[in-house]
Structures are given as structure tokens and as C-alpha cells.
Amino acid sequence: PTQACMAGCAYVSRVGEAWNTEGPPSLGGAGGVDGNTRTLMNEIAKAACGVVTEHIRQYHFSPVGGLQLMRDLQAWKHVAIQLGSSDTERRFEEYKEASNVLVIPPGDLQGFLEDGGFYKSPACSDLLELRSDWKTVRDKLGSAYTGKVIG
């Protein structure tokens, strides 16, 4: 993962750990974690996911950048698992899978999208349009692509 990703993941993990070790004693529940703690950890994970996905939308990605993004998203997914947020874990996994559209060669992209049904994924349309070669790819996909344009 990138240094920025490692720093962000470490910070969010430390926040979760601090709550678990320094926070109020558990009120019971599954595994000694009460409902308030689960809710807090889920909200922390959702907020981190929101920040990460908004940050991603600020850039355009080359194939090498797409591979790096995949590694970063895997690291964030691991943080979501640590925090016990299965919804956020699934969201990071969806973005990680969708980030394949950043590394597929332009000539192979249409077949990949049609075979995987990725056109229906909001994460896919978000990331597809962040390719560094988007103008060329858009022309190759033609009218088959019906995704929204970002920004």
C-alpha cells in the first residue's frame, strides 16, 4: 500500500483500538462488545470509506496506479474487518473488484465489462471514468456504455 494509505489505515485502526482498550467497559453482547461499540465501529468504518472513495474520485489512474489502488483498497478492507463492519468491508471489496477496470487494456475492456455485468455497478462506473485514457476508452465502448459521468 501507499504511505498515505498505511498512515490512514493505522490512524483509523488506532482509533478503534483506543476505544476498545480505553473506552467504557462493555455492556455485554456478542463477544463482550455491546451494541453501542458495534455502532461506533461501524460509523468509523463508514466514515473512513466515504473519505477514501471521495479521495479516489479526485484522481485519474494509469494501469500501474490502478494496481496500487487495488492494494490500498485491500488494506482498507482489512481495517473494516478489524472494526467489525461487514457492510463497509463489502463496499471496499466492491471497489477493489471494480478497480479491475483501471488495469484492463482498452481493447479488452468491453468484453470484460459485458462478461462480468459490471456496467450495473456504481463503483465500476465511478472508476471506469477515472482511467487516464478515458476519452479513448469511451470512444471504443461507444453507445454500449451508459454510465454516468463523474463531476
N, C-alpha and C. Protein backbone atom coordinates (compact mmCIF):
# COMPACT_ATOMS: atom_id res chain seq x y z
N PRO A 1 0.82 -1.20 0.00
CA PRO A 1 0.00 0.00 0.00
C PRO A 1 0.86 1.26 0.00
N THR A 2 0.25 2.34 -0.43
CA THR A 2 0.95 3.62 -0.43
C THR A 2 1.18 4.10 1.00
N GLN A 3 2.11 5.02 1.17
CA GLN A 3 2.39 5.56 2.50
C GLN A 3 1.15 6.26 3.06
N ALA A 4 0.43 6.99 2.21
CA ALA A 4 -0.78 7.68 2.68
C ALA A 4 -1.82 6.68 3.17
N CYS A 5 -1.97 5.60 2.45
CA CYS A 5 -2.91 4.56 2.83
C CYS A 5 -2.50 3.93 4.16
N MET A 6 -1.22 3.60 4.28
CA MET A 6 -0.75 2.97 5.52
C MET A 6 -0.98 3.90 6.71
N ALA A 7 -0.72 5.19 6.51
CA ALA A 7 -0.92 6.15 7.60
C ALA A 7 -2.41 6.26 7.97
N GLY A 8 -3.26 6.34 6.96
CA GLY A 8 -4.70 6.43 7.22
C GLY A 8 -5.24 5.19 7.89
N CYS A 9 -4.84 4.03 7.40
CA CYS A 9 -5.29 2.76 7.99
C CYS A 9 -4.80 2.65 9.44
N ALA A 10 -3.56 3.02 9.68
CA ALA A 10 -3.01 2.94 11.04
C ALA A 10 -3.77 3.86 11.98
N TYR A 11 -4.10 5.06 11.51
CA TYR A 11 -4.83 6.01 12.36
C TYR A 11 -6.22 5.47 12.71
N VAL A 12 -6.96 5.02 11.71
CA VAL A 12 -8.31 4.52 11.96
C VAL A 12 -8.25 3.27 12.85
N SER A 13 -7.28 2.42 12.63
CA SER A 13 -7.12 1.23 13.48
C SER A 13 -6.83 1.63 14.93
N ARG A 14 -5.97 2.65 15.10
CA ARG A 14 -5.65 3.11 16.47
C ARG A 14 -6.88 3.69 17.15
N VAL A 15 -7.73 4.39 16.42
CA VAL A 15 -8.97 4.91 17.00
C VAL A 15 -9.83 3.77 17.51
N GLY A 16 -9.99 2.73 16.69
CA GLY A 16 -10.76 1.57 17.11
C GLY A 16 -10.16 0.87 18.31
N GLU A 17 -8.83 0.70 18.29
CA GLU A 17 -8.15 0.05 19.40
C GLU A 17 -8.27 0.88 20.68
N ALA A 18 -8.14 2.20 20.54
CA ALA A 18 -8.24 3.07 21.72
C ALA A 18 -9.62 2.94 22.36
N TRP A 19 -10.65 2.90 21.55
CA TRP A 19 -11.98 2.75 22.11
C TRP A 19 -12.11 1.42 22.84
N ASN A 20 -11.59 0.38 22.23
CA ASN A 20 -11.71 -0.96 22.82
C ASN A 20 -10.90 -1.11 24.10
N THR A 21 -9.77 -0.39 24.22
CA THR A 21 -8.94 -0.53 25.43
C THR A 21 -9.18 0.56 26.45
N GLU A 22 -9.49 1.77 25.99
CA GLU A 22 -9.63 2.91 26.90
C GLU A 22 -11.07 3.35 27.10
N GLY A 23 -11.97 2.86 26.25
CA GLY A 23 -13.36 3.28 26.32
C GLY A 23 -14.06 2.69 27.54
N PRO A 24 -15.34 2.98 27.67
CA PRO A 24 -16.09 2.46 28.81
C PRO A 24 -16.18 0.94 28.74
N PRO A 25 -16.36 0.30 29.88
CA PRO A 25 -16.48 -1.16 29.87
C PRO A 25 -17.68 -1.60 29.06
N SER A 26 -17.55 -2.77 28.49
CA SER A 26 -18.61 -3.32 27.65
C SER A 26 -19.87 -3.54 28.46
N LEU A 27 -20.99 -3.33 27.79
CA LEU A 27 -22.29 -3.58 28.42
C LEU A 27 -22.79 -4.97 28.11
N GLY A 28 -21.93 -5.79 27.57
CA GLY A 28 -22.32 -7.16 27.24
C GLY A 28 -22.49 -7.33 25.75
N GLY A 29 -23.19 -8.35 25.35
CA GLY A 29 -23.40 -8.60 23.94
C GLY A 29 -22.44 -9.65 23.42
N ALA A 30 -22.53 -9.89 22.14
CA ALA A 30 -21.73 -10.94 21.50
C ALA A 30 -20.25 -10.62 21.63
N GLY A 31 -19.51 -11.56 22.19
CA GLY A 31 -18.07 -11.41 22.28
C GLY A 31 -17.62 -10.29 23.19
N GLY A 32 -18.47 -9.85 24.10
CA GLY A 32 -18.10 -8.77 25.01
C GLY A 32 -18.18 -7.39 24.38
N VAL A 33 -18.74 -7.27 23.20
CA VAL A 33 -18.88 -5.98 22.54
C VAL A 33 -20.35 -5.59 22.54
N ASP A 34 -20.64 -4.44 23.13
CA ASP A 34 -22.04 -4.03 23.20
C ASP A 34 -22.50 -3.37 21.91
N GLY A 35 -23.78 -3.15 21.82
CA GLY A 35 -24.36 -2.57 20.61
C GLY A 35 -23.83 -1.19 20.29
N ASN A 36 -23.58 -0.38 21.33
CA ASN A 36 -23.04 0.96 21.11
C ASN A 36 -21.65 0.90 20.50
N THR A 37 -20.83 -0.03 20.97
CA THR A 37 -19.49 -0.17 20.42
C THR A 37 -19.55 -0.63 18.97
N ARG A 38 -20.41 -1.60 18.69
CA ARG A 38 -20.56 -2.06 17.30
C ARG A 38 -21.01 -0.91 16.40
N THR A 39 -21.96 -0.12 16.88
CA THR A 39 -22.45 1.00 16.09
C THR A 39 -21.35 2.03 15.86
N LEU A 40 -20.58 2.32 16.90
CA LEU A 40 -19.49 3.28 16.77
C LEU A 40 -18.44 2.79 15.77
N MET A 41 -18.04 1.54 15.89
CA MET A 41 -17.03 0.98 14.97
C MET A 41 -17.55 0.99 13.53
N ASN A 42 -18.82 0.68 13.36
CA ASN A 42 -19.41 0.71 12.02
C ASN A 42 -19.41 2.14 11.46
N GLU A 43 -19.73 3.12 12.29
CA GLU A 43 -19.74 4.52 11.83
C GLU A 43 -18.33 5.00 11.49
N ILE A 44 -17.35 4.59 12.27
CA ILE A 44 -15.96 4.95 11.98
C ILE A 44 -15.56 4.35 10.63
N ALA A 45 -15.89 3.09 10.42
CA ALA A 45 -15.55 2.42 9.16
C ALA A 45 -16.26 3.08 7.98
N LYS A 46 -17.55 3.39 8.14
CA LYS A 46 -18.30 4.04 7.05
C LYS A 46 -17.71 5.41 6.73
N ALA A 47 -17.34 6.16 7.76
CA ALA A 47 -16.76 7.49 7.52
C ALA A 47 -15.42 7.36 6.79
N ALA A 48 -14.60 6.41 7.20
CA ALA A 48 -13.32 6.19 6.52
C ALA A 48 -13.55 5.82 5.07
N CYS A 49 -14.52 4.96 4.82
CA CYS A 49 -14.83 4.54 3.45
C CYS A 49 -15.28 5.75 2.62
N GLY A 50 -16.09 6.59 3.20
CA GLY A 50 -16.54 7.79 2.49
C GLY A 50 -15.39 8.71 2.12
N VAL A 51 -14.48 8.89 3.07
CA VAL A 51 -13.31 9.74 2.82
C VAL A 51 -12.44 9.13 1.71
N VAL A 52 -12.22 7.84 1.78
CA VAL A 52 -11.37 7.16 0.79
C VAL A 52 -12.00 7.24 -0.60
N THR A 53 -13.29 6.95 -0.72
CA THR A 53 -13.92 6.97 -2.04
C THR A 53 -13.98 8.39 -2.61
N GLU A 54 -14.20 9.39 -1.76
CA GLU A 54 -14.16 10.77 -2.26
C GLU A 54 -12.75 11.14 -2.70
N HIS A 55 -11.75 10.68 -1.98
CA HIS A 55 -10.36 10.95 -2.34
C HIS A 55 -10.02 10.31 -3.69
N ILE A 56 -10.48 9.09 -3.89
CA ILE A 56 -10.23 8.38 -5.15
C ILE A 56 -10.78 9.18 -6.33
N ARG A 57 -11.93 9.77 -6.15
CA ARG A 57 -12.60 10.49 -7.25
C ARG A 57 -11.85 11.74 -7.69
N GLN A 58 -10.83 12.12 -6.97
CA GLN A 58 -10.05 13.31 -7.31
C GLN A 58 -8.95 13.04 -8.33
N TYR A 59 -8.73 11.77 -8.68
CA TYR A 59 -7.59 11.41 -9.50
C TYR A 59 -7.99 10.64 -10.75
N HIS A 60 -7.04 10.57 -11.67
CA HIS A 60 -7.15 9.69 -12.83
C HIS A 60 -6.05 8.65 -12.67
N PHE A 61 -6.33 7.43 -13.12
CA PHE A 61 -5.43 6.32 -12.85
C PHE A 61 -4.91 5.67 -14.12
N SER A 62 -3.61 5.47 -14.15
CA SER A 62 -2.96 4.65 -15.17
C SER A 62 -3.12 3.20 -14.73
N PRO A 63 -2.76 2.24 -15.57
CA PRO A 63 -2.83 0.84 -15.12
C PRO A 63 -1.98 0.57 -13.86
N VAL A 64 -0.81 1.17 -13.77
CA VAL A 64 0.03 0.99 -12.59
C VAL A 64 -0.65 1.60 -11.37
N GLY A 65 -1.23 2.78 -11.54
CA GLY A 65 -1.97 3.41 -10.45
C GLY A 65 -3.18 2.58 -10.04
N GLY A 66 -3.80 1.92 -11.01
CA GLY A 66 -4.93 1.06 -10.71
C GLY A 66 -4.52 -0.12 -9.84
N LEU A 67 -3.35 -0.69 -10.13
CA LEU A 67 -2.84 -1.79 -9.30
C LEU A 67 -2.56 -1.32 -7.88
N GLN A 68 -1.99 -0.12 -7.76
CA GLN A 68 -1.70 0.43 -6.44
C GLN A 68 -3.01 0.69 -5.69
N LEU A 69 -4.01 1.19 -6.40
CA LEU A 69 -5.31 1.42 -5.78
C LEU A 69 -5.90 0.11 -5.25
N MET A 70 -5.75 -0.96 -6.01
CA MET A 70 -6.25 -2.26 -5.56
C MET A 70 -5.60 -2.68 -4.24
N ARG A 71 -4.30 -2.45 -4.12
CA ARG A 71 -3.60 -2.79 -2.87
C ARG A 71 -4.09 -1.91 -1.71
N ASP A 72 -4.28 -0.63 -2.00
CA ASP A 72 -4.77 0.27 -0.95
C ASP A 72 -6.17 -0.12 -0.50
N LEU A 73 -7.03 -0.46 -1.45
CA LEU A 73 -8.39 -0.85 -1.08
C LEU A 73 -8.40 -2.14 -0.27
N GLN A 74 -7.48 -3.05 -0.56
CA GLN A 74 -7.37 -4.27 0.24
C GLN A 74 -6.97 -3.93 1.67
N ALA A 75 -6.07 -2.98 1.84
CA ALA A 75 -5.66 -2.56 3.18
C ALA A 75 -6.83 -1.95 3.94
N TRP A 76 -7.62 -1.12 3.25
CA TRP A 76 -8.78 -0.50 3.90
C TRP A 76 -9.84 -1.56 4.23
N LYS A 77 -9.97 -2.54 3.38
CA LYS A 77 -10.90 -3.63 3.66
C LYS A 77 -10.50 -4.34 4.94
N HIS A 78 -9.21 -4.55 5.13
CA HIS A 78 -8.71 -5.20 6.34
C HIS A 78 -9.06 -4.37 7.58
N VAL A 79 -8.96 -3.05 7.48
CA VAL A 79 -9.33 -2.18 8.60
C VAL A 79 -10.82 -2.33 8.91
N ALA A 80 -11.65 -2.39 7.88
CA ALA A 80 -13.09 -2.57 8.09
C ALA A 80 -13.36 -3.89 8.80
N ILE A 81 -12.61 -4.93 8.44
CA ILE A 81 -12.76 -6.23 9.11
C ILE A 81 -12.37 -6.10 10.59
N GLN A 82 -11.25 -5.41 10.86
CA GLN A 82 -10.82 -5.20 12.24
C GLN A 82 -11.88 -4.48 13.06
N LEU A 83 -12.56 -3.52 12.43
CA LEU A 83 -13.58 -2.75 13.13
C LEU A 83 -14.91 -3.50 13.21
N GLY A 84 -15.00 -4.62 12.52
CA GLY A 84 -16.22 -5.43 12.57
C GLY A 84 -17.35 -4.87 11.73
N SER A 85 -17.02 -4.14 10.68
CA SER A 85 -18.04 -3.53 9.83
C SER A 85 -18.17 -4.31 8.52
N SER A 86 -19.08 -5.27 8.51
CA SER A 86 -19.22 -6.11 7.32
C SER A 86 -19.76 -5.32 6.13
N ASP A 87 -20.61 -4.33 6.36
CA ASP A 87 -21.12 -3.51 5.25
C ASP A 87 -19.99 -2.74 4.58
N THR A 88 -19.13 -2.14 5.38
CA THR A 88 -18.01 -1.38 4.83
C THR A 88 -16.99 -2.32 4.19
N GLU A 89 -16.80 -3.48 4.77
CA GLU A 89 -15.92 -4.48 4.17
C GLU A 89 -16.41 -4.83 2.76
N ARG A 90 -17.71 -5.06 2.61
CA ARG A 90 -18.28 -5.37 1.29
C ARG A 90 -18.11 -4.20 0.32
N ARG A 91 -18.26 -3.00 0.83
CA ARG A 91 -18.12 -1.82 -0.04
C ARG A 91 -16.68 -1.68 -0.55
N PHE A 92 -15.71 -1.87 0.34
CA PHE A 92 -14.31 -1.83 -0.10
C PHE A 92 -14.02 -2.96 -1.09
N GLU A 93 -14.58 -4.13 -0.84
CA GLU A 93 -14.38 -5.26 -1.76
C GLU A 93 -14.98 -4.93 -3.13
N GLU A 94 -16.16 -4.30 -3.14
CA GLU A 94 -16.78 -3.92 -4.41
C GLU A 94 -15.90 -2.95 -5.17
N TYR A 95 -15.35 -1.95 -4.49
CA TYR A 95 -14.45 -1.00 -5.15
C TYR A 95 -13.17 -1.69 -5.61
N LYS A 96 -12.66 -2.61 -4.81
CA LYS A 96 -11.44 -3.32 -5.20
C LYS A 96 -11.68 -4.14 -6.46
N GLU A 97 -12.80 -4.86 -6.51
CA GLU A 97 -13.13 -5.65 -7.70
C GLU A 97 -13.37 -4.73 -8.90
N ALA A 98 -14.07 -3.63 -8.67
CA ALA A 98 -14.36 -2.70 -9.77
C ALA A 98 -13.09 -2.03 -10.28
N SER A 99 -12.07 -1.92 -9.44
CA SER A 99 -10.84 -1.26 -9.87
C SER A 99 -10.10 -2.05 -10.95
N ASN A 100 -10.55 -3.27 -11.21
CA ASN A 100 -10.00 -4.02 -12.35
C ASN A 100 -10.18 -3.25 -13.65
N VAL A 101 -11.22 -2.43 -13.73
CA VAL A 101 -11.45 -1.68 -14.97
C VAL A 101 -10.34 -0.67 -15.23
N LEU A 102 -9.52 -0.40 -14.24
CA LEU A 102 -8.42 0.54 -14.42
C LEU A 102 -7.18 -0.12 -15.03
N VAL A 103 -7.11 -1.44 -14.97
CA VAL A 103 -5.90 -2.13 -15.43
C VAL A 103 -6.12 -2.95 -16.70
N ILE A 104 -7.35 -3.16 -17.09
CA ILE A 104 -7.66 -3.92 -18.30
C ILE A 104 -7.28 -3.09 -19.53
N PRO A 105 -6.60 -3.66 -20.50
CA PRO A 105 -6.27 -2.92 -21.72
C PRO A 105 -7.54 -2.44 -22.42
N PRO A 106 -7.50 -1.28 -23.06
CA PRO A 106 -8.70 -0.72 -23.69
C PRO A 106 -9.40 -1.68 -24.66
N GLY A 107 -8.63 -2.45 -25.41
CA GLY A 107 -9.23 -3.37 -26.37
C GLY A 107 -10.00 -4.51 -25.74
N ASP A 108 -9.69 -4.85 -24.51
CA ASP A 108 -10.33 -5.96 -23.81
C ASP A 108 -11.43 -5.52 -22.86
N LEU A 109 -11.56 -4.23 -22.70
CA LEU A 109 -12.45 -3.71 -21.65
C LEU A 109 -13.92 -4.01 -21.89
N GLN A 110 -14.40 -3.83 -23.10
CA GLN A 110 -15.82 -4.05 -23.36
C GLN A 110 -16.22 -5.48 -23.04
N GLY A 111 -15.43 -6.45 -23.47
CA GLY A 111 -15.73 -7.85 -23.18
C GLY A 111 -15.72 -8.12 -21.68
N PHE A 112 -14.74 -7.55 -20.99
CA PHE A 112 -14.66 -7.73 -19.54
C PHE A 112 -15.90 -7.18 -18.86
N LEU A 113 -16.32 -6.00 -19.28
CA LEU A 113 -17.49 -5.37 -18.65
C LEU A 113 -18.76 -6.15 -18.94
N GLU A 114 -18.91 -6.60 -20.16
CA GLU A 114 -20.12 -7.35 -20.52
C GLU A 114 -20.16 -8.71 -19.84
N ASP A 115 -19.02 -9.38 -19.77
CA ASP A 115 -18.97 -10.71 -19.15
C ASP A 115 -19.24 -10.65 -17.66
N GLY A 116 -18.74 -9.60 -16.99
CA GLY A 116 -18.88 -9.52 -15.55
C GLY A 116 -20.11 -8.79 -15.08
N GLY A 117 -20.89 -8.21 -15.98
CA GLY A 117 -22.06 -7.46 -15.58
C GLY A 117 -21.71 -6.20 -14.79
N PHE A 118 -20.48 -5.70 -14.98
CA PHE A 118 -20.02 -4.57 -14.19
C PHE A 118 -20.70 -3.25 -14.56
N TYR A 119 -21.34 -3.19 -15.72
CA TYR A 119 -21.99 -1.94 -16.11
C TYR A 119 -23.00 -1.49 -15.06
N LYS A 120 -23.56 -2.45 -14.33
CA LYS A 120 -24.59 -2.13 -13.36
C LYS A 120 -24.01 -1.68 -12.02
N SER A 121 -22.72 -1.79 -11.83
CA SER A 121 -22.09 -1.44 -10.56
C SER A 121 -21.76 0.05 -10.52
N PRO A 122 -22.29 0.78 -9.51
CA PRO A 122 -21.94 2.20 -9.39
C PRO A 122 -20.43 2.39 -9.19
N ALA A 123 -19.80 1.48 -8.46
CA ALA A 123 -18.36 1.59 -8.25
C ALA A 123 -17.62 1.48 -9.57
N CYS A 124 -18.10 0.61 -10.44
CA CYS A 124 -17.45 0.41 -11.73
C CYS A 124 -17.54 1.67 -12.59
N SER A 125 -18.73 2.25 -12.66
CA SER A 125 -18.86 3.45 -13.49
C SER A 125 -18.06 4.60 -12.90
N ASP A 126 -17.98 4.68 -11.57
CA ASP A 126 -17.15 5.71 -10.95
C ASP A 126 -15.70 5.55 -11.37
N LEU A 127 -15.20 4.32 -11.26
CA LEU A 127 -13.78 4.08 -11.52
C LEU A 127 -13.45 4.06 -13.01
N LEU A 128 -14.34 3.54 -13.81
CA LEU A 128 -14.10 3.47 -15.25
C LEU A 128 -13.79 4.86 -15.82
N GLU A 129 -14.51 5.83 -15.36
CA GLU A 129 -14.34 7.18 -15.88
C GLU A 129 -13.13 7.90 -15.30
N LEU A 130 -12.44 7.23 -14.39
CA LEU A 130 -11.21 7.80 -13.82
C LEU A 130 -9.95 7.24 -14.49
N ARG A 131 -10.15 6.43 -15.52
CA ARG A 131 -8.99 5.92 -16.28
C ARG A 131 -8.27 7.10 -16.91
N SER A 132 -6.95 7.04 -16.95
CA SER A 132 -6.17 8.11 -17.58
C SER A 132 -6.44 8.18 -19.08
N ASP A 133 -6.89 7.07 -19.67
CA ASP A 133 -7.19 7.02 -21.10
C ASP A 133 -8.71 7.01 -21.35
N TRP A 134 -9.47 7.61 -20.47
CA TRP A 134 -10.93 7.53 -20.53
C TRP A 134 -11.50 7.98 -21.87
N LYS A 135 -10.99 9.06 -22.45
CA LYS A 135 -11.55 9.55 -23.72
C LYS A 135 -11.42 8.49 -24.82
N THR A 136 -10.29 7.83 -24.88
CA THR A 136 -10.09 6.77 -25.87
C THR A 136 -11.00 5.58 -25.57
N VAL A 137 -11.07 5.20 -24.32
CA VAL A 137 -11.89 4.06 -23.91
C VAL A 137 -13.36 4.34 -24.18
N ARG A 138 -13.81 5.53 -23.85
CA ARG A 138 -15.21 5.89 -24.06
C ARG A 138 -15.58 5.76 -25.53
N ASP A 139 -14.70 6.17 -26.42
CA ASP A 139 -14.96 6.05 -27.85
C ASP A 139 -15.03 4.58 -28.27
N LYS A 140 -14.17 3.73 -27.69
CA LYS A 140 -14.19 2.30 -28.03
C LYS A 140 -15.44 1.61 -27.51
N LEU A 141 -15.91 2.03 -26.33
CA LEU A 141 -17.11 1.42 -25.77
C LEU A 141 -18.37 1.89 -26.50
N GLY A 142 -18.31 3.11 -27.01
CA GLY A 142 -19.43 3.65 -27.78
C GLY A 142 -20.72 3.70 -26.99
N SER A 143 -21.81 3.44 -27.66
CA SER A 143 -23.13 3.56 -27.05
C SER A 143 -23.41 2.43 -26.06
N ALA A 144 -22.55 1.43 -26.00
CA ALA A 144 -22.76 0.33 -25.05
C ALA A 144 -22.62 0.80 -23.62
N TYR A 145 -21.80 1.84 -23.42
CA TYR A 145 -21.60 2.34 -22.07
C TYR A 145 -22.65 3.38 -21.75
N THR A 146 -23.36 3.18 -20.66
CA THR A 146 -24.43 4.11 -20.28
C THR A 146 -24.21 4.69 -18.90
N GLY A 147 -23.02 4.55 -18.37
CA GLY A 147 -22.73 5.04 -17.02
C GLY A 147 -22.78 6.54 -16.93
N LYS A 148 -22.82 7.03 -15.71
CA LYS A 148 -22.85 8.46 -15.50
C LYS A 148 -21.43 9.01 -15.60
N VAL A 149 -21.34 10.27 -15.90
CA VAL A 149 -20.04 10.93 -15.97
C VAL A 149 -19.80 11.60 -14.62
N ILE A 150 -18.64 11.39 -14.04
CA ILE A 150 -18.32 11.94 -12.74
C ILE A 150 -18.05 13.41 -12.85
N GLY A 151 -18.51 14.15 -11.82
CA GLY A 151 -18.20 15.57 -11.68
C GLY A 151 -18.80 16.37 -12.77
